[in-house]
Amino acid sequence: MIKSHSRGHEIYFDGVNWRYSDNDSIEDDSRACKHCGNYPTKEGYDSCKGHIKGAKSACCGHGIEEPYIVMKEEVK
């Protein structure tokens, strides 16, 4: 079984949909962060990090992994 996390909540792939492990409902990106209890911003950013200028991707870790920021490459 393929497992992952969505904002700190364990999810699994059933072959068609990602589902929350605790109640088997379809993962719909509606849950708050399990670590801080905050919802993402309307733009989809982790609310504790907000918009990070020049970032390609960022995650607070949600209490599951270490936070990270991936910066966009500068083209010269």
Protein backbone atom coordinates (compact mmCIF):
# COMPACT_ATOMS: atom_id res chain seq x y z
CA MET A 1 0.00 0.00 0.00
CA ILE A 2 1.29 3.47 -0.90
CA LYS A 3 1.16 5.90 2.04
CA SER A 4 2.00 9.56 2.44
CA HIS A 5 0.86 12.60 4.44
CA SER A 6 -1.34 15.60 3.73
CA ARG A 7 -0.68 18.46 6.18
CA GLY A 8 0.45 15.90 8.75
CA HIS A 9 -2.49 13.52 8.31
CA GLU A 10 -1.63 10.03 7.08
CA ILE A 11 -3.14 9.22 3.68
CA TYR A 12 -3.01 6.15 1.45
CA PHE A 13 -3.63 5.51 -2.25
CA ASP A 14 -6.46 3.05 -2.96
CA GLY A 15 -5.59 2.69 -6.66
CA VAL A 16 -7.87 5.54 -7.71
CA ASN A 17 -7.97 8.12 -4.88
CA TRP A 18 -5.86 9.29 -1.99
CA ARG A 19 -7.76 8.67 1.26
CA TYR A 20 -7.31 9.67 4.89
CA SER A 21 -6.16 6.66 6.90
CA ASP A 22 -8.22 7.53 9.98
CA ASN A 23 -11.66 7.42 8.30
CA ASP A 24 -11.12 6.32 4.66
CA SER A 25 -12.64 9.56 3.28
CA ILE A 26 -11.14 10.97 0.08
CA GLU A 27 -8.30 13.40 0.72
CA ASP A 28 -9.73 16.74 -0.35
CA ASP A 29 -7.12 19.16 1.02
CA SER A 30 -9.66 20.50 3.53
CA ARG A 31 -7.96 19.58 6.79
CA ALA A 32 -5.87 21.93 8.86
CA CYS A 33 -2.22 21.20 9.63
CA LYS A 34 -2.08 18.46 12.26
CA HIS A 35 0.91 20.18 13.91
CA CYS A 36 -0.19 23.84 14.21
CA GLY A 37 -3.93 23.62 13.47
CA ASN A 38 -3.79 26.30 10.75
CA TYR A 39 -5.36 26.02 7.32
CA PRO A 40 -3.42 26.90 4.16
CA THR A 41 -3.71 30.41 2.77
CA LYS A 42 -6.18 31.02 -0.06
CA GLU A 43 -3.18 30.75 -2.43
CA GLY A 44 -2.37 27.31 -1.00
CA TYR A 45 0.72 28.21 1.05
CA ASP A 46 1.36 26.78 4.50
CA SER A 47 -0.01 29.60 6.65
CA CYS A 48 2.94 29.47 9.04
CA LYS A 49 5.35 30.13 6.16
CA GLY A 50 3.21 32.25 3.84
CA HIS A 51 4.56 33.38 0.48
CA ILE A 52 8.33 33.02 0.13
CA LYS A 53 9.69 35.15 -2.71
CA GLY A 54 11.73 33.05 -5.15
CA ALA A 55 10.56 29.71 -3.74
CA LYS A 56 9.49 26.91 -6.06
CA SER A 57 8.16 24.81 -3.19
CA ALA A 58 8.07 25.03 0.61
CA CYS A 59 6.66 23.00 3.47
CA CYS A 60 6.58 23.54 7.25
CA GLY A 61 6.86 19.77 7.77
CA HIS A 62 3.50 19.52 9.59
CA GLY A 63 5.20 17.78 12.52
CA ILE A 64 6.07 14.80 10.31
CA GLU A 65 9.29 15.85 8.56
CA GLU A 66 11.80 18.67 8.63
CA PRO A 67 10.61 21.93 7.04
CA TYR A 68 12.11 22.75 3.64
CA ILE A 69 12.26 25.44 0.97
CA VAL A 70 13.19 24.74 -2.67
CA MET A 71 14.25 27.90 -4.46
CA LYS A 72 13.76 28.56 -8.17
CA GLU A 73 16.95 28.47 -10.21
CA GLU A 74 18.17 31.79 -11.42
CA VAL A 75 18.72 31.82 -15.18
CA LYS A 76 21.73 33.92 -16.15
